[in-house]
């Protein structure tokens, strides 16, 4: 039997995971739909990627990632107060509501959450929803394979239905 491929830069990894916060709340899980990524190309948060190096198929590991190696600390400058009139009247606003917005100048999509609702204004939080959180992952490595030249050139893993070139 050949030496099992270990996770290192340039291999494609499939993993199942559960992500919990300090309070034990599960905020994300693969639920049978494995996450597939190309190791060493920054496709997943750095703190998790670093901890997976050297694992092989069938390995499980618990990894805790500090905010600085995940989605960053909460940036106090990433809050903005906007007029209530920016939102449609029929939209029910509440604190914690996640919004998908578009930049009027660049048309770039971005996410924000409502941090506070005042009489005529709304405070938006543009931080990543998991900013400031320590992330606790429980991962199981399902598959490890060498990346194709194309994947390495593109800098990301291709799934079975991705980029069929004949």
N, C-alpha and C. Protein backbone atom coordinates (compact mmCIF):
# COMPACT_ATOMS: atom_id res chain seq x y z
N UNK A 1 0.85 -1.19 0.00
CA UNK A 1 0.00 0.00 0.00
C UNK A 1 0.89 1.24 0.00
N UNK A 2 0.54 2.18 -0.84
CA UNK A 2 1.40 3.35 -0.95
C UNK A 2 1.21 4.26 0.26
N UNK A 3 2.20 5.08 0.47
CA UNK A 3 2.16 6.08 1.54
C UNK A 3 0.94 6.97 1.30
N UNK A 4 0.13 7.15 2.34
CA UNK A 4 -1.05 8.01 2.16
C UNK A 4 -0.64 9.46 1.98
N UNK A 5 -1.32 10.11 1.04
CA UNK A 5 -1.02 11.50 0.77
C UNK A 5 -1.41 12.34 1.97
N UNK A 6 -0.48 13.17 2.41
CA UNK A 6 -0.77 14.07 3.52
C UNK A 6 -1.12 15.46 2.97
N UNK A 7 -1.89 16.19 3.77
CA UNK A 7 -2.29 17.52 3.33
C UNK A 7 -1.08 18.45 3.32
N UNK A 8 -0.84 19.04 2.17
CA UNK A 8 0.22 20.03 2.02
C UNK A 8 -0.17 20.93 0.86
N UNK A 9 0.62 21.97 0.62
CA UNK A 9 0.30 22.89 -0.47
C UNK A 9 0.19 22.11 -1.77
N UNK A 10 -0.84 22.42 -2.54
CA UNK A 10 -0.99 21.79 -3.84
C UNK A 10 -1.78 20.51 -3.85
N UNK A 11 -2.41 20.16 -2.72
CA UNK A 11 -3.30 19.01 -2.75
C UNK A 11 -4.74 19.50 -2.55
N UNK A 12 -5.67 18.74 -3.12
CA UNK A 12 -7.09 19.06 -2.98
C UNK A 12 -7.64 18.23 -1.83
N UNK A 13 -8.30 18.90 -0.91
CA UNK A 13 -8.79 18.27 0.31
C UNK A 13 -10.31 18.34 0.33
N UNK A 14 -10.95 17.21 0.67
CA UNK A 14 -12.39 17.21 0.95
C UNK A 14 -12.54 16.96 2.44
N UNK A 15 -13.32 17.81 3.09
CA UNK A 15 -13.50 17.60 4.52
C UNK A 15 -14.92 17.89 4.94
N UNK A 16 -15.33 17.14 5.96
CA UNK A 16 -16.60 17.40 6.63
C UNK A 16 -16.25 18.23 7.86
N UNK A 17 -17.13 19.16 8.22
CA UNK A 17 -16.81 19.97 9.38
C UNK A 17 -18.07 20.44 10.10
N UNK A 18 -17.88 20.76 11.36
CA UNK A 18 -18.88 21.45 12.16
C UNK A 18 -18.17 22.66 12.75
N UNK A 19 -18.80 23.82 12.67
CA UNK A 19 -18.22 25.04 13.20
C UNK A 19 -19.09 25.55 14.34
N UNK A 20 -18.46 25.71 15.52
CA UNK A 20 -19.18 26.22 16.67
C UNK A 20 -18.47 27.46 17.22
N UNK A 21 -19.23 28.27 17.94
CA UNK A 21 -18.67 29.43 18.62
C UNK A 21 -18.40 29.09 20.07
N UNK A 22 -17.82 30.05 20.81
CA UNK A 22 -17.49 29.80 22.22
C UNK A 22 -18.69 29.33 23.03
N UNK A 23 -19.88 29.84 22.69
CA UNK A 23 -21.07 29.48 23.48
C UNK A 23 -21.66 28.13 23.08
N UNK A 24 -20.98 27.45 22.13
CA UNK A 24 -21.45 26.13 21.73
C UNK A 24 -22.45 26.15 20.60
N UNK A 25 -22.82 27.36 20.14
CA UNK A 25 -23.77 27.46 19.03
C UNK A 25 -23.11 26.97 17.74
N UNK A 26 -23.79 26.07 17.03
CA UNK A 26 -23.29 25.62 15.74
C UNK A 26 -23.72 26.63 14.69
N UNK A 27 -22.76 27.28 14.02
CA UNK A 27 -23.10 28.30 13.04
C UNK A 27 -22.93 27.82 11.60
N UNK A 28 -22.25 26.69 11.44
CA UNK A 28 -22.08 26.17 10.09
C UNK A 28 -21.67 24.71 10.20
N UNK A 29 -22.05 23.92 9.19
CA UNK A 29 -21.66 22.52 9.15
C UNK A 29 -21.77 22.05 7.72
N UNK A 30 -20.96 21.08 7.36
CA UNK A 30 -20.98 20.60 5.97
C UNK A 30 -22.19 19.73 5.69
N UNK A 31 -22.74 19.09 6.72
CA UNK A 31 -23.96 18.29 6.57
C UNK A 31 -23.91 17.34 5.37
N UNK A 32 -22.85 16.60 5.25
CA UNK A 32 -22.77 15.60 4.18
C UNK A 32 -22.33 16.16 2.85
N UNK A 33 -22.22 17.48 2.75
CA UNK A 33 -21.79 18.12 1.51
C UNK A 33 -20.38 18.63 1.76
N UNK A 34 -19.39 17.77 1.52
CA UNK A 34 -18.02 18.06 1.94
C UNK A 34 -17.51 19.36 1.32
N UNK A 35 -16.71 20.07 2.12
CA UNK A 35 -16.01 21.25 1.64
C UNK A 35 -14.76 20.77 0.89
N UNK A 36 -14.60 21.23 -0.33
CA UNK A 36 -13.44 20.84 -1.13
C UNK A 36 -12.62 22.10 -1.40
N UNK A 37 -11.34 22.04 -1.08
CA UNK A 37 -10.51 23.23 -1.31
C UNK A 37 -9.11 22.82 -1.72
N UNK A 38 -8.39 23.76 -2.32
CA UNK A 38 -7.00 23.55 -2.72
C UNK A 38 -6.11 24.12 -1.63
N UNK A 39 -5.33 23.25 -0.99
CA UNK A 39 -4.54 23.66 0.17
C UNK A 39 -3.41 24.61 -0.24
N UNK A 40 -3.22 25.64 0.57
CA UNK A 40 -2.10 26.56 0.33
C UNK A 40 -2.46 27.74 -0.56
N UNK A 41 -3.74 27.87 -0.92
CA UNK A 41 -4.13 28.95 -1.82
C UNK A 41 -5.12 29.93 -1.19
N UNK A 42 -5.20 29.89 0.15
CA UNK A 42 -6.02 30.90 0.84
C UNK A 42 -7.51 30.78 0.59
N UNK A 43 -7.96 29.59 0.23
CA UNK A 43 -9.41 29.42 0.00
C UNK A 43 -10.19 29.29 1.29
N UNK A 44 -9.53 28.87 2.36
CA UNK A 44 -10.21 28.77 3.65
C UNK A 44 -9.44 29.66 4.63
N UNK A 45 -10.02 29.92 5.79
CA UNK A 45 -9.36 30.85 6.71
C UNK A 45 -7.98 30.31 7.12
N UNK A 46 -7.01 31.22 7.25
CA UNK A 46 -5.61 30.81 7.46
C UNK A 46 -5.41 29.94 8.69
N UNK A 47 -6.10 30.26 9.79
CA UNK A 47 -5.88 29.50 11.01
C UNK A 47 -6.30 28.05 10.90
N UNK A 48 -7.32 27.78 10.08
CA UNK A 48 -7.77 26.41 9.88
C UNK A 48 -6.83 25.70 8.92
N UNK A 49 -6.48 26.37 7.83
CA UNK A 49 -5.61 25.76 6.82
C UNK A 49 -4.30 25.28 7.45
N UNK A 50 -3.72 26.14 8.29
CA UNK A 50 -2.44 25.82 8.94
C UNK A 50 -2.55 24.55 9.78
N UNK A 51 -3.68 24.40 10.48
CA UNK A 51 -3.85 23.26 11.38
C UNK A 51 -4.11 21.95 10.64
N UNK A 52 -4.54 22.04 9.39
CA UNK A 52 -4.87 20.81 8.65
C UNK A 52 -3.64 20.20 7.97
N UNK A 53 -2.58 20.97 7.83
CA UNK A 53 -1.38 20.47 7.15
C UNK A 53 -0.89 19.20 7.86
N UNK A 54 -0.57 18.20 7.05
CA UNK A 54 -0.02 16.96 7.61
C UNK A 54 -1.06 15.91 7.93
N UNK A 55 -2.34 16.27 7.91
CA UNK A 55 -3.38 15.26 8.16
C UNK A 55 -3.57 14.43 6.89
N UNK A 56 -4.22 13.29 7.04
CA UNK A 56 -4.49 12.44 5.89
C UNK A 56 -5.91 11.90 5.98
N UNK A 57 -6.32 11.14 4.97
CA UNK A 57 -7.71 10.65 4.90
C UNK A 57 -8.09 9.92 6.18
N UNK A 58 -9.28 10.24 6.69
CA UNK A 58 -9.79 9.56 7.88
C UNK A 58 -9.42 10.26 9.17
N UNK A 59 -8.46 11.20 9.11
CA UNK A 59 -8.09 11.93 10.33
C UNK A 59 -9.20 12.87 10.74
N UNK A 60 -9.38 13.02 12.05
CA UNK A 60 -10.29 14.02 12.59
C UNK A 60 -9.50 14.91 13.52
N UNK A 61 -9.90 16.15 13.59
CA UNK A 61 -9.17 17.08 14.45
C UNK A 61 -10.10 18.17 14.92
N UNK A 62 -9.89 18.62 16.15
CA UNK A 62 -10.60 19.79 16.65
C UNK A 62 -9.62 20.96 16.57
N UNK A 63 -10.07 22.04 15.99
CA UNK A 63 -9.21 23.20 15.78
C UNK A 63 -9.94 24.44 16.28
N UNK A 64 -9.27 25.21 17.13
CA UNK A 64 -9.83 26.51 17.53
C UNK A 64 -9.00 27.59 16.88
N UNK A 65 -9.69 28.54 16.25
CA UNK A 65 -9.02 29.58 15.48
C UNK A 65 -9.38 30.93 16.07
N UNK A 66 -8.36 31.69 16.44
CA UNK A 66 -8.60 33.02 17.02
C UNK A 66 -9.07 33.98 15.94
N UNK A 67 -9.75 35.06 16.34
CA UNK A 67 -10.26 36.01 15.34
C UNK A 67 -9.19 36.52 14.37
N UNK A 68 -7.96 36.71 14.88
CA UNK A 68 -6.91 37.27 14.01
C UNK A 68 -6.56 36.33 12.87
N UNK A 69 -6.82 35.02 13.05
CA UNK A 69 -6.53 34.07 11.97
C UNK A 69 -7.80 33.58 11.30
N UNK A 70 -8.93 34.24 11.63
CA UNK A 70 -10.20 33.87 11.01
C UNK A 70 -10.74 35.10 10.27
N UNK A 71 -11.76 35.73 10.83
CA UNK A 71 -12.40 36.85 10.12
C UNK A 71 -12.03 38.20 10.72
N UNK A 72 -10.99 38.21 11.58
CA UNK A 72 -10.53 39.47 12.13
C UNK A 72 -11.32 39.90 13.35
N UNK A 73 -10.76 40.90 14.03
CA UNK A 73 -11.45 41.48 15.18
C UNK A 73 -12.57 42.38 14.65
N UNK A 74 -13.48 42.72 15.53
CA UNK A 74 -14.54 43.66 15.15
C UNK A 74 -13.89 45.03 14.93
N UNK A 75 -14.12 45.59 13.76
CA UNK A 75 -13.56 46.88 13.39
C UNK A 75 -14.60 47.95 13.71
N UNK A 76 -14.28 48.82 14.67
CA UNK A 76 -15.25 49.82 15.08
C UNK A 76 -15.53 50.83 13.97
N UNK A 77 -14.63 50.89 13.00
CA UNK A 77 -14.85 51.82 11.90
C UNK A 77 -15.75 51.22 10.82
N UNK A 78 -16.10 49.96 10.99
CA UNK A 78 -16.93 49.30 9.98
C UNK A 78 -18.41 49.45 10.31
N UNK A 79 -18.74 50.43 11.14
CA UNK A 79 -20.14 50.73 11.43
C UNK A 79 -20.48 52.03 10.73
N UNK A 80 -21.68 52.12 10.19
CA UNK A 80 -22.08 53.33 9.49
C UNK A 80 -23.54 53.61 9.79
N UNK A 81 -23.84 54.87 10.02
CA UNK A 81 -25.24 55.25 10.27
C UNK A 81 -25.82 55.78 8.97
N UNK A 82 -26.96 55.22 8.59
CA UNK A 82 -27.62 55.62 7.34
C UNK A 82 -29.05 56.02 7.66
N UNK A 83 -29.65 56.83 6.79
CA UNK A 83 -31.05 57.23 7.03
C UNK A 83 -31.99 56.05 6.88
N UNK A 84 -33.02 56.01 7.71
CA UNK A 84 -34.03 54.95 7.64
C UNK A 84 -34.68 54.93 6.26
N UNK A 85 -34.73 56.09 5.62
CA UNK A 85 -35.40 56.20 4.33
C UNK A 85 -34.68 55.43 3.22
N UNK A 86 -33.46 54.98 3.49
CA UNK A 86 -32.72 54.16 2.52
C UNK A 86 -33.41 52.82 2.27
N UNK A 87 -34.20 52.38 3.24
CA UNK A 87 -34.81 51.05 3.18
C UNK A 87 -36.26 51.17 2.75
N UNK A 88 -36.76 50.18 2.02
CA UNK A 88 -38.18 50.21 1.63
C UNK A 88 -39.06 50.23 2.88
N UNK A 89 -40.16 50.96 2.80
CA UNK A 89 -41.06 51.07 3.95
C UNK A 89 -41.59 49.73 4.40
N UNK A 90 -41.77 48.80 3.45
CA UNK A 90 -42.38 47.53 3.82
C UNK A 90 -41.36 46.50 4.33
N UNK A 91 -40.09 46.91 4.42
CA UNK A 91 -39.08 45.99 4.95
C UNK A 91 -39.07 46.10 6.46
N UNK A 92 -39.30 44.99 7.13
CA UNK A 92 -39.30 45.00 8.59
C UNK A 92 -37.85 44.94 9.07
N UNK A 93 -37.42 46.00 9.72
CA UNK A 93 -36.03 46.06 10.19
C UNK A 93 -35.97 45.58 11.63
N UNK A 94 -34.92 44.82 11.94
CA UNK A 94 -34.68 44.42 13.32
C UNK A 94 -33.19 44.25 13.52
N UNK A 95 -32.75 44.39 14.76
CA UNK A 95 -31.32 44.25 15.04
C UNK A 95 -30.88 42.83 14.74
N UNK A 96 -29.75 42.72 14.03
CA UNK A 96 -29.24 41.41 13.66
C UNK A 96 -29.67 41.01 12.26
N UNK A 97 -30.59 41.77 11.65
CA UNK A 97 -31.02 41.45 10.29
C UNK A 97 -29.83 41.56 9.34
N UNK A 98 -29.58 40.50 8.57
CA UNK A 98 -28.48 40.53 7.61
C UNK A 98 -29.00 40.98 6.26
N UNK A 99 -28.30 41.93 5.67
CA UNK A 99 -28.73 42.54 4.43
C UNK A 99 -27.71 42.27 3.34
N UNK A 100 -28.18 42.03 2.14
CA UNK A 100 -27.29 41.98 0.98
C UNK A 100 -27.52 43.27 0.22
N UNK A 101 -26.49 44.09 0.14
CA UNK A 101 -26.62 45.41 -0.46
C UNK A 101 -25.70 45.50 -1.67
N UNK A 102 -25.92 46.54 -2.47
CA UNK A 102 -25.02 46.80 -3.59
C UNK A 102 -24.51 48.22 -3.47
N UNK A 103 -23.23 48.38 -3.75
CA UNK A 103 -22.63 49.70 -3.76
C UNK A 103 -23.16 50.46 -4.98
N UNK A 104 -23.72 51.64 -4.76
CA UNK A 104 -24.35 52.35 -5.88
C UNK A 104 -23.33 52.78 -6.92
N UNK A 105 -22.09 53.01 -6.49
CA UNK A 105 -21.09 53.46 -7.45
C UNK A 105 -20.45 52.30 -8.20
N UNK A 106 -20.09 51.25 -7.49
CA UNK A 106 -19.34 50.16 -8.12
C UNK A 106 -20.23 48.97 -8.47
N UNK A 107 -21.46 48.93 -7.93
CA UNK A 107 -22.37 47.81 -8.10
C UNK A 107 -21.84 46.53 -7.46
N UNK A 108 -20.83 46.68 -6.60
CA UNK A 108 -20.29 45.51 -5.90
C UNK A 108 -21.27 45.08 -4.81
N UNK A 109 -21.53 43.78 -4.72
CA UNK A 109 -22.41 43.33 -3.63
C UNK A 109 -21.62 43.31 -2.32
N UNK A 110 -22.30 43.59 -1.21
CA UNK A 110 -21.64 43.44 0.08
C UNK A 110 -22.70 43.13 1.12
N UNK A 111 -22.23 42.60 2.22
CA UNK A 111 -23.13 42.18 3.29
C UNK A 111 -23.02 43.17 4.45
N UNK A 112 -24.12 43.39 5.11
CA UNK A 112 -24.11 44.19 6.33
C UNK A 112 -25.20 43.63 7.24
N UNK A 113 -25.08 43.95 8.52
CA UNK A 113 -26.12 43.57 9.47
C UNK A 113 -26.58 44.82 10.19
N UNK A 114 -27.81 44.83 10.62
CA UNK A 114 -28.31 45.97 11.37
C UNK A 114 -27.84 45.84 12.81
N UNK A 115 -27.09 46.84 13.26
CA UNK A 115 -26.55 46.82 14.62
C UNK A 115 -27.50 47.52 15.59
N UNK A 116 -28.14 48.59 15.11
CA UNK A 116 -29.03 49.35 15.99
C UNK A 116 -30.03 50.11 15.14
N UNK A 117 -31.24 50.25 15.65
CA UNK A 117 -32.27 51.00 14.95
C UNK A 117 -32.65 52.19 15.81
N UNK A 118 -32.52 53.37 15.23
CA UNK A 118 -32.90 54.59 15.94
C UNK A 118 -34.15 55.15 15.26
N UNK A 119 -34.61 56.30 15.72
CA UNK A 119 -35.88 56.81 15.20
C UNK A 119 -35.86 57.00 13.69
N UNK A 120 -34.87 57.74 13.19
CA UNK A 120 -34.82 58.03 11.76
C UNK A 120 -33.58 57.47 11.09
N UNK A 121 -32.79 56.73 11.85
CA UNK A 121 -31.53 56.24 11.31
C UNK A 121 -31.33 54.78 11.69
N UNK A 122 -30.46 54.15 10.94
CA UNK A 122 -30.13 52.75 11.19
C UNK A 122 -28.61 52.63 11.21
N UNK A 123 -28.09 51.93 12.21
CA UNK A 123 -26.64 51.70 12.24
C UNK A 123 -26.36 50.34 11.62
N UNK A 124 -25.53 50.36 10.58
CA UNK A 124 -25.15 49.12 9.89
C UNK A 124 -23.78 48.68 10.36
N UNK A 125 -23.60 47.38 10.42
CA UNK A 125 -22.32 46.77 10.78
C UNK A 125 -21.81 46.03 9.56
N UNK A 126 -20.68 46.50 9.03
CA UNK A 126 -20.12 45.89 7.83
C UNK A 126 -19.05 44.84 8.15
N UNK A 127 -18.86 44.55 9.43
CA UNK A 127 -17.94 43.48 9.80
C UNK A 127 -18.49 42.15 9.31
N UNK A 128 -17.60 41.19 9.06
CA UNK A 128 -18.05 39.83 8.78
C UNK A 128 -18.86 39.36 9.99
N UNK A 129 -19.95 38.60 9.75
CA UNK A 129 -20.76 38.15 10.90
C UNK A 129 -19.96 37.41 11.96
N UNK A 130 -18.85 36.80 11.59
CA UNK A 130 -18.04 36.05 12.56
C UNK A 130 -16.81 36.82 13.02
N UNK A 131 -16.74 38.12 12.70
CA UNK A 131 -15.61 38.93 13.19
C UNK A 131 -15.63 38.92 14.72
N UNK A 132 -14.45 38.85 15.30
CA UNK A 132 -14.34 38.89 16.75
C UNK A 132 -14.63 37.58 17.43
N UNK A 133 -15.01 36.57 16.66
CA UNK A 133 -15.36 35.28 17.25
C UNK A 133 -14.18 34.31 17.15
N UNK A 134 -13.99 33.53 18.21
CA UNK A 134 -13.08 32.40 18.12
C UNK A 134 -13.89 31.25 17.54
N UNK A 135 -13.36 30.64 16.49
CA UNK A 135 -14.08 29.59 15.77
C UNK A 135 -13.56 28.22 16.20
N UNK A 136 -14.49 27.33 16.51
CA UNK A 136 -14.12 25.98 16.94
C UNK A 136 -14.59 25.00 15.87
N UNK A 137 -13.65 24.44 15.15
CA UNK A 137 -13.97 23.50 14.08
C UNK A 137 -13.73 22.08 14.56
N UNK A 138 -14.60 21.19 14.13
CA UNK A 138 -14.34 19.77 14.26
C UNK A 138 -14.34 19.26 12.83
N UNK A 139 -13.20 18.80 12.36
CA UNK A 139 -13.08 18.41 10.95
C UNK A 139 -12.71 16.94 10.83
N UNK A 140 -13.19 16.33 9.76
CA UNK A 140 -12.80 14.97 9.39
C UNK A 140 -12.38 15.02 7.93
N UNK A 141 -11.21 14.51 7.65
CA UNK A 141 -10.68 14.53 6.29
C UNK A 141 -11.28 13.35 5.52
N UNK A 142 -12.00 13.67 4.44
CA UNK A 142 -12.69 12.64 3.66
C UNK A 142 -11.84 12.16 2.48
N UNK A 143 -11.11 13.08 1.86
CA UNK A 143 -10.32 12.72 0.68
C UNK A 143 -9.18 13.70 0.54
N UNK A 144 -8.08 13.20 0.00
CA UNK A 144 -6.91 14.03 -0.30
C UNK A 144 -6.38 13.53 -1.63
N UNK A 145 -6.16 14.43 -2.57
CA UNK A 145 -5.62 14.01 -3.85
C UNK A 145 -4.72 15.11 -4.40
N UNK A 146 -3.79 14.75 -5.27
CA UNK A 146 -2.96 15.79 -5.87
C UNK A 146 -3.86 16.70 -6.73
N UNK A 147 -3.55 17.98 -6.74
CA UNK A 147 -4.29 18.90 -7.59
C UNK A 147 -3.87 18.69 -9.03
N UNK A 148 -4.77 18.97 -9.96
CA UNK A 148 -4.43 18.92 -11.37
C UNK A 148 -3.66 20.19 -11.73
N UNK A 149 -2.99 20.17 -12.87
CA UNK A 149 -2.27 21.37 -13.30
C UNK A 149 -3.24 22.53 -13.45
N UNK A 150 -4.44 22.21 -13.95
CA UNK A 150 -5.43 23.27 -14.16
C UNK A 150 -5.85 23.89 -12.83
N UNK A 151 -6.07 23.04 -11.83
CA UNK A 151 -6.46 23.57 -10.52
C UNK A 151 -5.37 24.46 -9.95
N UNK A 152 -4.12 24.01 -10.10
CA UNK A 152 -3.02 24.81 -9.59
C UNK A 152 -2.94 26.15 -10.33
N UNK A 153 -3.20 26.11 -11.64
CA UNK A 153 -3.15 27.34 -12.44
C UNK A 153 -4.26 28.29 -12.02
N UNK A 154 -5.44 27.73 -11.71
CA UNK A 154 -6.58 28.56 -11.34
C UNK A 154 -6.54 28.96 -9.87
N UNK A 155 -5.78 28.21 -9.07
CA UNK A 155 -5.66 28.54 -7.65
C UNK A 155 -6.84 28.12 -6.81
N UNK A 156 -7.65 27.18 -7.32
CA UNK A 156 -8.75 26.66 -6.52
C UNK A 156 -9.13 25.27 -7.01
N UNK A 157 -9.81 24.52 -6.14
CA UNK A 157 -10.21 23.16 -6.48
C UNK A 157 -11.39 23.19 -7.44
N UNK A 158 -11.46 22.23 -8.33
CA UNK A 158 -12.61 22.06 -9.21
C UNK A 158 -13.39 20.84 -8.75
N UNK A 159 -14.68 21.02 -8.61
CA UNK A 159 -15.53 19.90 -8.24
C UNK A 159 -15.79 19.03 -9.46
N UNK A 160 -16.51 17.94 -9.29
CA UNK A 160 -16.77 17.02 -10.40
C UNK A 160 -17.55 17.68 -11.55
N UNK A 161 -18.34 18.72 -11.23
CA UNK A 161 -19.16 19.34 -12.29
C UNK A 161 -18.54 20.66 -12.78
N UNK A 162 -17.30 20.87 -12.44
CA UNK A 162 -16.69 22.17 -12.67
C UNK A 162 -15.69 22.10 -13.83
N UNK A 163 -15.75 23.02 -14.76
CA UNK A 163 -14.72 23.16 -15.80
C UNK A 163 -14.48 21.88 -16.58
N UNK A 164 -15.48 21.40 -17.27
CA UNK A 164 -15.23 20.26 -18.14
C UNK A 164 -14.71 20.78 -19.47
N UNK A 165 -13.46 20.51 -19.75
CA UNK A 165 -12.87 20.92 -21.02
C UNK A 165 -12.61 19.67 -21.83
N UNK A 166 -13.13 19.59 -23.02
CA UNK A 166 -12.88 18.40 -23.85
C UNK A 166 -11.97 18.76 -25.01
